[in-house]
Amino acid sequence: MEKLEKEKIKKLPPKTKIYCGHEYTLQNSKFCITYDGENLNLIKKIQEIKEKLTKNKPTIPSTIEEELKNNIFLRSNNGKIKTNLNMNNSTSLVTFSKLRDLKDNF
């Protein structure tokens, strides 16, 4: 996701539904919590995902509002995330790129 695409997504109405083409929600959330461990919204979201999967229910769609609270890639400007990556002085784009590299090897 390029910076321009990320910024377009962030400007959509909060209730906009997000349908991804895969069911990797739990795995993606596990990656996010690795670098955003104090995110109470994300902790709650992971529990909800696990409950849905236990009941054989889909974990998608999501909403822009949920993604802005939970998706580490949309939060690459967050100070705590940058601190957890030892990237306090990095731009959002540099942090995003680092996260993308880390996710590829997660």
PDB file of N, CA and C in Angstrom:
ATOM      1  N   MET A   1       0.854  -1.169   0.000  1.00  0.00           N
ATOM      2  CA  MET A   1       0.000   0.000   0.000  1.00  0.00           C
ATOM      3  C   MET A   1       0.897   1.228   0.000  1.00  0.00           C
ATOM      4  N   GLU A   2       0.790   2.018  -1.001  1.00  0.00           N
ATOM      5  CA  GLU A   2       1.598   3.221  -1.069  1.00  0.00           C
ATOM      6  C   GLU A   2       1.001   4.300  -0.179  1.00  0.00           C
ATOM      7  N   LYS A   3       1.816   5.298   0.111  1.00  0.00           N
ATOM      8  CA  LYS A   3       1.384   6.374   1.006  1.00  0.00           C
ATOM      9  C   LYS A   3       0.103   7.031   0.502  1.00  0.00           C
ATOM     10  N   LEU A   4       0.035   7.324  -0.803  1.00  0.00           N
ATOM     11  CA  LEU A   4      -1.139   7.983  -1.360  1.00  0.00           C
ATOM     12  C   LEU A   4      -2.386   7.125  -1.159  1.00  0.00           C
ATOM     13  N   GLU A   5      -2.278   5.827  -1.405  1.00  0.00           N
ATOM     14  CA  GLU A   5      -3.414   4.931  -1.204  1.00  0.00           C
ATOM     15  C   GLU A   5      -3.827   4.901   0.257  1.00  0.00           C
ATOM     16  N   LYS A   6      -2.843   4.842   1.150  1.00  0.00           N
ATOM     17  CA  LYS A   6      -3.124   4.800   2.582  1.00  0.00           C
ATOM     18  C   LYS A   6      -3.879   6.059   2.999  1.00  0.00           C
ATOM     19  N   GLU A   7      -3.463   7.206   2.513  1.00  0.00           N
ATOM     20  CA  GLU A   7      -4.123   8.459   2.879  1.00  0.00           C
ATOM     21  C   GLU A   7      -5.535   8.528   2.307  1.00  0.00           C
ATOM     22  N   LYS A   8      -5.756   7.983   1.126  1.00  0.00           N
ATOM     23  CA  LYS A   8      -7.105   7.943   0.553  1.00  0.00           C
ATOM     24  C   LYS A   8      -8.021   7.092   1.422  1.00  0.00           C
ATOM     25  N   ILE A   9      -7.523   5.944   1.828  1.00  0.00           N
ATOM     26  CA  ILE A   9      -8.315   5.043   2.661  1.00  0.00           C
ATOM     27  C   ILE A   9      -8.689   5.720   3.971  1.00  0.00           C
ATOM     28  N   LYS A  10      -7.760   6.412   4.584  1.00  0.00           N
ATOM     29  CA  LYS A  10      -8.002   7.047   5.875  1.00  0.00           C
ATOM     30  C   LYS A  10      -9.078   8.133   5.805  1.00  0.00           C
ATOM     31  N   LYS A  11      -9.330   8.668   4.620  1.00  0.00           N
ATOM     32  CA  LYS A  11     -10.313   9.741   4.472  1.00  0.00           C
ATOM     33  C   LYS A  11     -11.727   9.242   4.174  1.00  0.00           C
ATOM     34  N   LEU A  12     -11.890   7.933   3.971  1.00  0.00           N
ATOM     35  CA  LEU A  12     -13.222   7.393   3.710  1.00  0.00           C
ATOM     36  C   LEU A  12     -14.089   7.517   4.961  1.00  0.00           C
ATOM     37  N   PRO A  13     -15.409   7.532   4.791  1.00  0.00           N
ATOM     38  CA  PRO A  13     -16.296   7.604   5.955  1.00  0.00           C
ATOM     39  C   PRO A  13     -16.023   6.444   6.921  1.00  0.00           C
ATOM     40  N   PRO A  14     -16.074   6.692   8.218  1.00  0.00           N
ATOM     41  CA  PRO A  14     -15.735   5.674   9.219  1.00  0.00           C
ATOM     42  C   PRO A  14     -16.528   4.366   9.103  1.00  0.00           C
ATOM     43  N   LYS A  15     -17.745   4.431   8.668  1.00  0.00           N
ATOM     44  CA  LYS A  15     -18.587   3.225   8.584  1.00  0.00           C
ATOM     45  C   LYS A  15     -18.397   2.462   7.266  1.00  0.00           C
ATOM     46  N   THR A  16     -17.507   2.927   6.405  1.00  0.00           N
ATOM     47  CA  THR A  16     -17.234   2.225   5.149  1.00  0.00           C
ATOM     48  C   THR A  16     -16.752   0.819   5.458  1.00  0.00           C
ATOM     49  N   LYS A  17     -17.368  -0.168   4.826  1.00  0.00           N
ATOM     50  CA  LYS A  17     -16.995  -1.557   5.066  1.00  0.00           C
ATOM     51  C   LYS A  17     -15.791  -1.935   4.209  1.00  0.00           C
ATOM     52  N   ILE A  18     -14.923  -2.739   4.814  1.00  0.00           N
ATOM     53  CA  ILE A  18     -13.716  -3.217   4.157  1.00  0.00           C
ATOM     54  C   ILE A  18     -13.843  -4.727   3.983  1.00  0.00           C
ATOM     55  N   TYR A  19     -13.804  -5.168   2.747  1.00  0.00           N
ATOM     56  CA  TYR A  19     -13.821  -6.589   2.437  1.00  0.00           C
ATOM     57  C   TYR A  19     -12.476  -6.945   1.818  1.00  0.00           C
ATOM     58  N   CYS A  20     -11.700  -7.745   2.527  1.00  0.00           N
ATOM     59  CA  CYS A  20     -10.435  -8.186   1.955  1.00  0.00           C
ATOM     60  C   CYS A  20     -10.674  -9.521   1.247  1.00  0.00           C
ATOM     61  N   GLY A  21      -9.752  -9.890   0.410  1.00  0.00           N
ATOM     62  CA  GLY A  21      -9.905 -11.102  -0.373  1.00  0.00           C
ATOM     63  C   GLY A  21      -9.348 -12.336   0.305  1.00  0.00           C
ATOM     64  N   HIS A  22      -9.113 -12.284   1.605  1.00  0.00           N
ATOM     65  CA  HIS A  22      -8.547 -13.421   2.321  1.00  0.00           C
ATOM     66  C   HIS A  22      -9.003 -13.387   3.774  1.00  0.00           C
ATOM     67  N   GLU A  23      -8.819 -14.482   4.455  1.00  0.00           N
ATOM     68  CA  GLU A  23      -9.212 -14.577   5.860  1.00  0.00           C
ATOM     69  C   GLU A  23      -7.948 -14.715   6.717  1.00  0.00           C
ATOM     70  N   TYR A  24      -7.154 -13.655   6.713  1.00  0.00           N
ATOM     71  CA  TYR A  24      -5.929 -13.622   7.499  1.00  0.00           C
ATOM     72  C   TYR A  24      -6.056 -12.686   8.697  1.00  0.00           C
ATOM     73  N   THR A  25      -7.275 -12.398   9.085  1.00  0.00           N
ATOM     74  CA  THR A  25      -7.511 -11.382  10.099  1.00  0.00           C
ATOM     75  C   THR A  25      -6.785 -11.680  11.409  1.00  0.00           C
ATOM     76  N   LEU A  26      -6.840 -12.912  11.869  1.00  0.00           N
ATOM     77  CA  LEU A  26      -6.183 -13.243  13.131  1.00  0.00           C
ATOM     78  C   LEU A  26      -4.670 -13.127  13.000  1.00  0.00           C
ATOM     79  N   GLN A  27      -4.114 -13.673  11.941  1.00  0.00           N
ATOM     80  CA  GLN A  27      -2.663 -13.607  11.742  1.00  0.00           C
ATOM     81  C   GLN A  27      -2.196 -12.152  11.620  1.00  0.00           C
ATOM     82  N   ASN A  28      -2.931 -11.343  10.883  1.00  0.00           N
ATOM     83  CA  ASN A  28      -2.568  -9.932  10.741  1.00  0.00           C
ATOM     84  C   ASN A  28      -2.647  -9.215  12.082  1.00  0.00           C
ATOM     85  N   SER A  29      -3.657  -9.540  12.873  1.00  0.00           N
ATOM     86  CA  SER A  29      -3.800  -8.918  14.190  1.00  0.00           C
ATOM     87  C   SER A  29      -2.672  -9.328  15.121  1.00  0.00           C
ATOM     88  N   LYS A  30      -2.235 -10.571  15.016  1.00  0.00           N
ATOM     89  CA  LYS A  30      -1.102 -11.029  15.819  1.00  0.00           C
ATOM     90  C   LYS A  30       0.164 -10.249  15.465  1.00  0.00           C
ATOM     91  N   PHE A  31       0.338  -9.960  14.192  1.00  0.00           N
ATOM     92  CA  PHE A  31       1.480  -9.139  13.787  1.00  0.00           C
ATOM     93  C   PHE A  31       1.344  -7.745  14.393  1.00  0.00           C
ATOM     94  N   CYS A  32       0.174  -7.145  14.261  1.00  0.00           N
ATOM     95  CA  CYS A  32      -0.043  -5.790  14.759  1.00  0.00           C
ATOM     96  C   CYS A  32       0.218  -5.687  16.264  1.00  0.00           C
ATOM     97  N   ILE A  33      -0.242  -6.673  17.028  1.00  0.00           N
ATOM     98  CA  ILE A  33      -0.093  -6.603  18.485  1.00  0.00           C
ATOM     99  C   ILE A  33       1.377  -6.721  18.887  1.00  0.00           C
ATOM    100  N   THR A  34       2.202  -7.325  18.044  1.00  0.00           N
ATOM    101  CA  THR A  34       3.627  -7.451  18.324  1.00  0.00           C
ATOM    102  C   THR A  34       4.283  -6.083  18.495  1.00  0.00           C
ATOM    103  N   TYR A  35       3.833  -5.107  17.717  1.00  0.00           N
ATOM    104  CA  TYR A  35       4.427  -3.768  17.747  1.00  0.00           C
ATOM    105  C   TYR A  35       3.474  -2.703  18.301  1.00  0.00           C
ATOM    106  N   ASP A  36       2.285  -3.135  18.716  1.00  0.00           N
ATOM    107  CA  ASP A  36       1.273  -2.211  19.234  1.00  0.00           C
ATOM    108  C   ASP A  36       0.577  -2.860  20.433  1.00  0.00           C
ATOM    109  N   GLY A  37       1.382  -3.430  21.324  1.00  0.00           N
ATOM    110  CA  GLY A  37       0.897  -4.252  22.418  1.00  0.00           C
ATOM    111  C   GLY A  37       0.019  -3.574  23.451  1.00  0.00           C
ATOM    112  N   GLU A  38       0.056  -2.264  23.521  1.00  0.00           N
ATOM    113  CA  GLU A  38      -0.761  -1.536  24.495  1.00  0.00           C
ATOM    114  C   GLU A  38      -2.089  -1.054  23.910  1.00  0.00           C
ATOM    115  N   ASN A  39      -2.356  -1.417  22.666  1.00  0.00           N
ATOM    116  CA  ASN A  39      -3.559  -0.965  21.980  1.00  0.00           C
ATOM    117  C   ASN A  39      -4.762  -1.771  22.484  1.00  0.00           C
ATOM    118  N   LEU A  40      -5.531  -1.179  23.393  1.00  0.00           N
ATOM    119  CA  LEU A  40      -6.679  -1.866  23.982  1.00  0.00           C
ATOM    120  C   LEU A  40      -7.745  -2.208  22.947  1.00  0.00           C
ATOM    121  N   ASN A  41      -7.906  -1.364  21.935  1.00  0.00           N
ATOM    122  CA  ASN A  41      -8.859  -1.657  20.864  1.00  0.00           C
ATOM    123  C   ASN A  41      -8.445  -2.921  20.121  1.00  0.00           C
ATOM    124  N   LEU A  42      -7.163  -3.043  19.864  1.00  0.00           N
ATOM    125  CA  LEU A  42      -6.646  -4.203  19.148  1.00  0.00           C
ATOM    126  C   LEU A  42      -6.762  -5.470  19.999  1.00  0.00           C
ATOM    127  N   ILE A  43      -6.498  -5.364  21.264  1.00  0.00           N
ATOM    128  CA  ILE A  43      -6.641  -6.512  22.167  1.00  0.00           C
ATOM    129  C   ILE A  43      -8.087  -7.016  22.143  1.00  0.00           C
ATOM    130  N   LYS A  44      -9.027  -6.085  22.202  1.00  0.00           N
ATOM    131  CA  LYS A  44     -10.448  -6.448  22.145  1.00  0.00           C
ATOM    132  C   LYS A  44     -10.795  -7.053  20.793  1.00  0.00           C
ATOM    133  N   LYS A  45     -10.271  -6.486  19.729  1.00  0.00           N
ATOM    134  CA  LYS A  45     -10.535  -6.975  18.373  1.00  0.00           C
ATOM    135  C   LYS A  45     -10.030  -8.411  18.210  1.00  0.00           C
ATOM    136  N   ILE A  46      -8.861  -8.717  18.739  1.00  0.00           N
ATOM    137  CA  ILE A  46      -8.317 -10.073  18.642  1.00  0.00           C
ATOM    138  C   ILE A  46      -9.239 -11.061  19.351  1.00  0.00           C
ATOM    139  N   GLN A  47      -9.748 -10.680  20.501  1.00  0.00           N
ATOM    140  CA  GLN A  47     -10.686 -11.555  21.218  1.00  0.00           C
ATOM    141  C   GLN A  47     -11.944 -11.787  20.392  1.00  0.00           C
ATOM    142  N   GLU A  48     -12.461 -10.728  19.767  1.00  0.00           N
ATOM    143  CA  GLU A  48     -13.655 -10.855  18.924  1.00  0.00           C
ATOM    144  C   GLU A  48     -13.380 -11.770  17.731  1.00  0.00           C
ATOM    145  N   ILE A  49     -12.213 -11.636  17.125  1.00  0.00           N
ATOM    146  CA  ILE A  49     -11.832 -12.473  15.989  1.00  0.00           C
ATOM    147  C   ILE A  49     -11.793 -13.941  16.418  1.00  0.00           C
ATOM    148  N   LYS A  50     -11.161 -14.217  17.543  1.00  0.00           N
ATOM    149  CA  LYS A  50     -11.066 -15.599  18.039  1.00  0.00           C
ATOM    150  C   LYS A  50     -12.448 -16.187  18.303  1.00  0.00           C
ATOM    151  N   GLU A  51     -13.338 -15.385  18.884  1.00  0.00           N
ATOM    152  CA  GLU A  51     -14.697 -15.861  19.157  1.00  0.00           C
ATOM    153  C   GLU A  51     -15.432 -16.187  17.856  1.00  0.00           C
ATOM    154  N   LYS A  52     -15.292 -15.324  16.856  1.00  0.00           N
ATOM    155  CA  LYS A  52     -15.939 -15.576  15.564  1.00  0.00           C
ATOM    156  C   LYS A  52     -15.387 -16.843  14.915  1.00  0.00           C
ATOM    157  N   LEU A  53     -14.080 -17.013  14.932  1.00  0.00           N
ATOM    158  CA  LEU A  53     -13.474 -18.188  14.317  1.00  0.00           C
ATOM    159  C   LEU A  53     -13.898 -19.471  15.031  1.00  0.00           C
ATOM    160  N   THR A  54     -14.028 -19.411  16.357  1.00  0.00           N
ATOM    161  CA  THR A  54     -14.487 -20.569  17.128  1.00  0.00           C
ATOM    162  C   THR A  54     -15.884 -21.000  16.691  1.00  0.00           C
ATOM    163  N   LYS A  55     -16.696 -20.029  16.286  1.00  0.00           N
ATOM    164  CA  LYS A  55     -18.065 -20.303  15.848  1.00  0.00           C
ATOM    165  C   LYS A  55     -18.162 -20.489  14.329  1.00  0.00           C
ATOM    166  N   ASN A  56     -16.995 -20.598  13.673  1.00  0.00           N
ATOM    167  CA  ASN A  56     -16.931 -20.752  12.214  1.00  0.00           C
ATOM    168  C   ASN A  56     -17.622 -19.604  11.474  1.00  0.00           C
ATOM    169  N   LYS A  57     -17.490 -18.410  12.020  1.00  0.00           N
ATOM    170  CA  LYS A  57     -18.064 -17.217  11.390  1.00  0.00           C
ATOM    171  C   LYS A  57     -16.943 -16.408  10.757  1.00  0.00           C
ATOM    172  N   PRO A  58     -17.243 -15.686   9.689  1.00  0.00           N
ATOM    173  CA  PRO A  58     -16.210 -14.846   9.062  1.00  0.00           C
ATOM    174  C   PRO A  58     -15.840 -13.661   9.944  1.00  0.00           C
ATOM    175  N   THR A  59     -14.608 -13.226   9.840  1.00  0.00           N
ATOM    176  CA  THR A  59     -14.145 -12.074  10.616  1.00  0.00           C
ATOM    177  C   THR A  59     -14.192 -10.794   9.803  1.00  0.00           C
ATOM    178  N   ILE A  60     -14.632 -10.893   8.577  1.00  0.00           N
ATOM    179  CA  ILE A  60     -14.767  -9.741   7.710  1.00  0.00           C
ATOM    180  C   ILE A  60     -16.235  -9.611   7.315  1.00  0.00           C
ATOM    181  N   PRO A  61     -16.716  -8.433   7.013  1.00  0.00           N
ATOM    182  CA  PRO A  61     -15.954  -7.214   6.768  1.00  0.00           C
ATOM    183  C   PRO A  61     -15.577  -6.490   8.052  1.00  0.00           C
ATOM    184  N   SER A  62     -14.679  -5.557   7.876  1.00  0.00           N
ATOM    185  CA  SER A  62     -14.288  -4.620   8.915  1.00  0.00           C
ATOM    186  C   SER A  62     -14.809  -3.254   8.471  1.00  0.00           C
ATOM    187  N   THR A  63     -14.482  -2.225   9.219  1.00  0.00           N
ATOM    188  CA  THR A  63     -14.837  -0.862   8.802  1.00  0.00           C
ATOM    189  C   THR A  63     -13.586   0.009   8.848  1.00  0.00           C
ATOM    190  N   ILE A  64     -13.644   1.119   8.179  1.00  0.00           N
ATOM    191  CA  ILE A  64     -12.532   2.083   8.233  1.00  0.00           C
ATOM    192  C   ILE A  64     -12.259   2.465   9.683  1.00  0.00           C
ATOM    193  N   GLU A  65     -13.310   2.695  10.438  1.00  0.00           N
ATOM    194  CA  GLU A  65     -13.160   3.071  11.847  1.00  0.00           C
ATOM    195  C   GLU A  65     -12.356   2.018  12.612  1.00  0.00           C
ATOM    196  N   GLU A  66     -12.707   0.735  12.420  1.00  0.00           N
ATOM    197  CA  GLU A  66     -11.973  -0.333  13.091  1.00  0.00           C
ATOM    198  C   GLU A  66     -10.521  -0.400  12.625  1.00  0.00           C
ATOM    199  N   GLU A  67     -10.317  -0.267  11.338  1.00  0.00           N
ATOM    200  CA  GLU A  67      -8.963  -0.345  10.783  1.00  0.00           C
ATOM    201  C   GLU A  67      -8.087   0.791  11.296  1.00  0.00           C
ATOM    202  N   LEU A  68      -8.657   1.981  11.420  1.00  0.00           N
ATOM    203  CA  LEU A  68      -7.884   3.117  11.923  1.00  0.00           C
ATOM    204  C   LEU A  68      -7.472   2.916  13.385  1.00  0.00           C
ATOM    205  N   LYS A  69      -8.241   2.139  14.115  1.00  0.00           N
ATOM    206  CA  LYS A  69      -7.921   1.854  15.516  1.00  0.00           C
ATOM    207  C   LYS A  69      -6.968   0.678  15.668  1.00  0.00           C
ATOM    208  N   ASN A  70      -7.004  -0.254  14.720  1.00  0.00           N
ATOM    209  CA  ASN A  70      -6.329  -1.532  14.904  1.00  0.00           C
ATOM    210  C   ASN A  70      -5.232  -1.862  13.903  1.00  0.00           C
ATOM    211  N   ASN A  71      -5.308  -1.340  12.714  1.00  0.00           N
ATOM    212  CA  ASN A  71      -4.379  -1.715  11.652  1.00  0.00           C
ATOM    213  C   ASN A  71      -3.090  -0.908  11.774  1.00  0.00           C
ATOM    214  N   ILE A  72      -2.023  -1.581  12.116  1.00  0.00           N
ATOM    215  CA  ILE A  72      -0.743  -0.914  12.378  1.00  0.00           C
ATOM    216  C   ILE A  72      -0.235  -0.142  11.162  1.00  0.00           C
ATOM    217  N   PHE A  73      -0.595  -0.610   9.970  1.00  0.00           N
ATOM    218  CA  PHE A  73      -0.139   0.066   8.754  1.00  0.00           C
ATOM    219  C   PHE A  73      -0.821   1.420   8.579  1.00  0.00           C
ATOM    220  N   LEU A  74      -2.035   1.548   9.070  1.00  0.00           N
ATOM    221  CA  LEU A  74      -2.736   2.834   9.019  1.00  0.00           C
ATOM    222  C   LEU A  74      -2.380   3.718  10.209  1.00  0.00           C
ATOM    223  N   ARG A  75      -1.579   3.188  11.125  1.00  0.00           N
ATOM    224  CA  ARG A  75      -1.179   3.916  12.332  1.00  0.00           C
ATOM    225  C   ARG A  75       0.333   4.118  12.374  1.00  0.00           C
ATOM    226  N   SER A  76       0.985   4.094  11.226  1.00  0.00           N
ATOM    227  CA  SER A  76       2.448   4.165  11.187  1.00  0.00           C
ATOM    228  C   SER A  76       3.000   5.514  11.656  1.00  0.00           C
ATOM    229  N   ASN A  77       2.119   6.468  11.908  1.00  0.00           N
ATOM    230  CA  ASN A  77       2.558   7.755  12.456  1.00  0.00           C
ATOM    231  C   ASN A  77       2.443   7.795  13.984  1.00  0.00           C
ATOM    232  N   ASN A  78       1.994   6.700  14.592  1.00  0.00           N
ATOM    233  CA  ASN A  78       1.779   6.628  16.030  1.00  0.00           C
ATOM    234  C   ASN A  78       3.111   6.574  16.776  1.00  0.00           C
ATOM    235  N   GLY A  79       3.260   7.421  17.773  1.00  0.00           N
ATOM    236  CA  GLY A  79       4.507   7.520  18.533  1.00  0.00           C
ATOM    237  C   GLY A  79       4.897   6.243  19.260  1.00  0.00           C
ATOM    238  N   LYS A  80       3.931   5.547  19.847  1.00  0.00           N
ATOM    239  CA  LYS A  80       4.243   4.310  20.571  1.00  0.00           C
ATOM    240  C   LYS A  80       4.739   3.225  19.628  1.00  0.00           C
ATOM    241  N   ILE A  81       4.116   3.155  18.469  1.00  0.00           N
ATOM    242  CA  ILE A  81       4.556   2.173  17.471  1.00  0.00           C
ATOM    243  C   ILE A  81       5.976   2.493  17.026  1.00  0.00           C
ATOM    244  N   LYS A  82       6.234   3.765  16.760  1.00  0.00           N
ATOM    245  CA  LYS A  82       7.588   4.170  16.360  1.00  0.00           C
ATOM    246  C   LYS A  82       8.607   3.845  17.459  1.00  0.00           C
ATOM    247  N   THR A  83       8.231   4.083  18.703  1.00  0.00           N
ATOM    248  CA  THR A  83       9.120   3.763  19.816  1.00  0.00           C
ATOM    249  C   THR A  83       9.393   2.262  19.870  1.00  0.00           C
ATOM    250  N   ASN A  84       8.353   1.463  19.699  1.00  0.00           N
ATOM    251  CA  ASN A  84       8.511   0.006  19.736  1.00  0.00           C
ATOM    252  C   ASN A  84       9.409  -0.506  18.614  1.00  0.00           C
ATOM    253  N   LEU A  85       9.505   0.250  17.546  1.00  0.00           N
ATOM    254  CA  LEU A  85      10.360  -0.115  16.414  1.00  0.00           C
ATOM    255  C   LEU A  85      11.722   0.577  16.480  1.00  0.00           C
ATOM    256  N   ASN A  86      11.943   1.381  17.513  1.00  0.00           N
ATOM    257  CA  ASN A  86      13.151   2.209  17.622  1.00  0.00           C
ATOM    258  C   ASN A  86      13.306   3.128  16.417  1.00  0.00           C
ATOM    259  N   MET A  87      12.198   3.752  16.044  1.00  0.00           N
ATOM    260  CA  MET A  87      12.159   4.627  14.871  1.00  0.00           C
ATOM    261  C   MET A  87      11.505   5.966  15.201  1.00  0.00           C
ATOM    262  N   ASN A  88      11.779   6.497  16.386  1.00  0.00           N
ATOM    263  CA  ASN A  88      11.112   7.717  16.849  1.00  0.00           C
ATOM    264  C   ASN A  88      11.215   8.889  15.886  1.00  0.00           C
ATOM    265  N   ASN A  89      12.311   9.017  15.191  1.00  0.00           N
ATOM    266  CA  ASN A  89      12.508  10.171  14.313  1.00  0.00           C
ATOM    267  C   ASN A  89      12.175   9.893  12.855  1.00  0.00           C
ATOM    268  N   SER A  90      11.579   8.744  12.584  1.00  0.00           N
ATOM    269  CA  SER A  90      11.254   8.372  11.213  1.00  0.00           C
ATOM    270  C   SER A  90       9.929   8.986  10.764  1.00  0.00           C
ATOM    271  N   THR A  91       9.812   9.175   9.478  1.00  0.00           N
ATOM    272  CA  THR A  91       8.542   9.622   8.917  1.00  0.00           C
ATOM    273  C   THR A  91       7.557   8.458   8.937  1.00  0.00           C
ATOM    274  N   SER A  92       6.312   8.775   8.759  1.00  0.00           N
ATOM    275  CA  SER A  92       5.274   7.755   8.692  1.00  0.00           C
ATOM    276  C   SER A  92       5.553   6.774   7.557  1.00  0.00           C
ATOM    277  N   LEU A  93       6.015   7.271   6.431  1.00  0.00           N
ATOM    278  CA  LEU A  93       6.299   6.419   5.276  1.00  0.00           C
ATOM    279  C   LEU A  93       7.453   5.456   5.557  1.00  0.00           C
ATOM    280  N   VAL A  94       8.507   5.932   6.201  1.00  0.00           N
ATOM    281  CA  VAL A  94       9.638   5.068   6.537  1.00  0.00           C
ATOM    282  C   VAL A  94       9.195   4.002   7.539  1.00  0.00           C
ATOM    283  N   THR A  95       8.404   4.399   8.517  1.00  0.00           N
ATOM    284  CA  THR A  95       7.879   3.447   9.499  1.00  0.00           C
ATOM    285  C   THR A  95       6.993   2.419   8.816  1.00  0.00           C
ATOM    286  N   PHE A  96       6.133   2.873   7.937  1.00  0.00           N
ATOM    287  CA  PHE A  96       5.261   1.985   7.175  1.00  0.00           C
ATOM    288  C   PHE A  96       6.095   0.960   6.396  1.00  0.00           C
ATOM    289  N   SER A  97       7.120   1.425   5.738  1.00  0.00           N
ATOM    290  CA  SER A  97       7.981   0.535   4.947  1.00  0.00           C
ATOM    291  C   SER A  97       8.652  -0.514   5.826  1.00  0.00           C
ATOM    292  N   LYS A  98       9.108  -0.106   6.994  1.00  0.00           N
ATOM    293  CA  LYS A  98       9.720  -1.041   7.935  1.00  0.00           C
ATOM    294  C   LYS A  98       8.702  -2.086   8.383  1.00  0.00           C
ATOM    295  N   LEU A  99       7.496  -1.647   8.699  1.00  0.00           N
ATOM    296  CA  LEU A  99       6.444  -2.571   9.095  1.00  0.00           C
ATOM    297  C   LEU A  99       6.134  -3.569   7.984  1.00  0.00           C
ATOM    298  N   ARG A 100       6.104  -3.080   6.760  1.00  0.00           N
ATOM    299  CA  ARG A 100       5.831  -3.962   5.612  1.00  0.00           C
ATOM    300  C   ARG A 100       6.914  -5.027   5.507  1.00  0.00           C
ATOM    301  N   ASP A 101       8.172  -4.640   5.677  1.00  0.00           N
ATOM    302  CA  ASP A 101       9.270  -5.603   5.627  1.00  0.00           C
ATOM    303  C   ASP A 101       9.134  -6.626   6.761  1.00  0.00           C
ATOM    304  N   LEU A 102       8.807  -6.158   7.942  1.00  0.00           N
ATOM    305  CA  LEU A 102       8.651  -7.056   9.084  1.00  0.00           C
ATOM    306  C   LEU A 102       7.491  -8.030   8.866  1.00  0.00           C
ATOM    307  N   LYS A 103       6.397  -7.545   8.288  1.00  0.00           N
ATOM    308  CA  LYS A 103       5.231  -8.398   8.045  1.00  0.00           C
ATOM    309  C   LYS A 103       5.566  -9.475   7.024  1.00  0.00           C
ATOM    310  N   ASP A 104       6.373  -9.150   6.034  1.00  0.00           N
ATOM    311  CA  ASP A 104       6.743 -10.135   5.016  1.00  0.00           C
ATOM    312  C   ASP A 104       7.499 -11.309   5.611  1.00  0.00           C
ATOM    313  N   ASN A 105       8.125 -11.111   6.757  1.00  0.00           N
ATOM    314  CA  ASN A 105       8.904 -12.166   7.391  1.00  0.00           C
ATOM    315  C   ASN A 105       8.307 -12.641   8.714  1.00  0.00           C
ATOM    316  N   PHE A 106       7.034 -12.329   8.939  1.00  0.00           N
ATOM    317  CA  PHE A 106       6.383 -12.662  10.210  1.00  0.00           C
ATOM    318  C   PHE A 106       5.891 -14.105  10.200  1.00  0.00           C
TER     319      PHE A 106
END
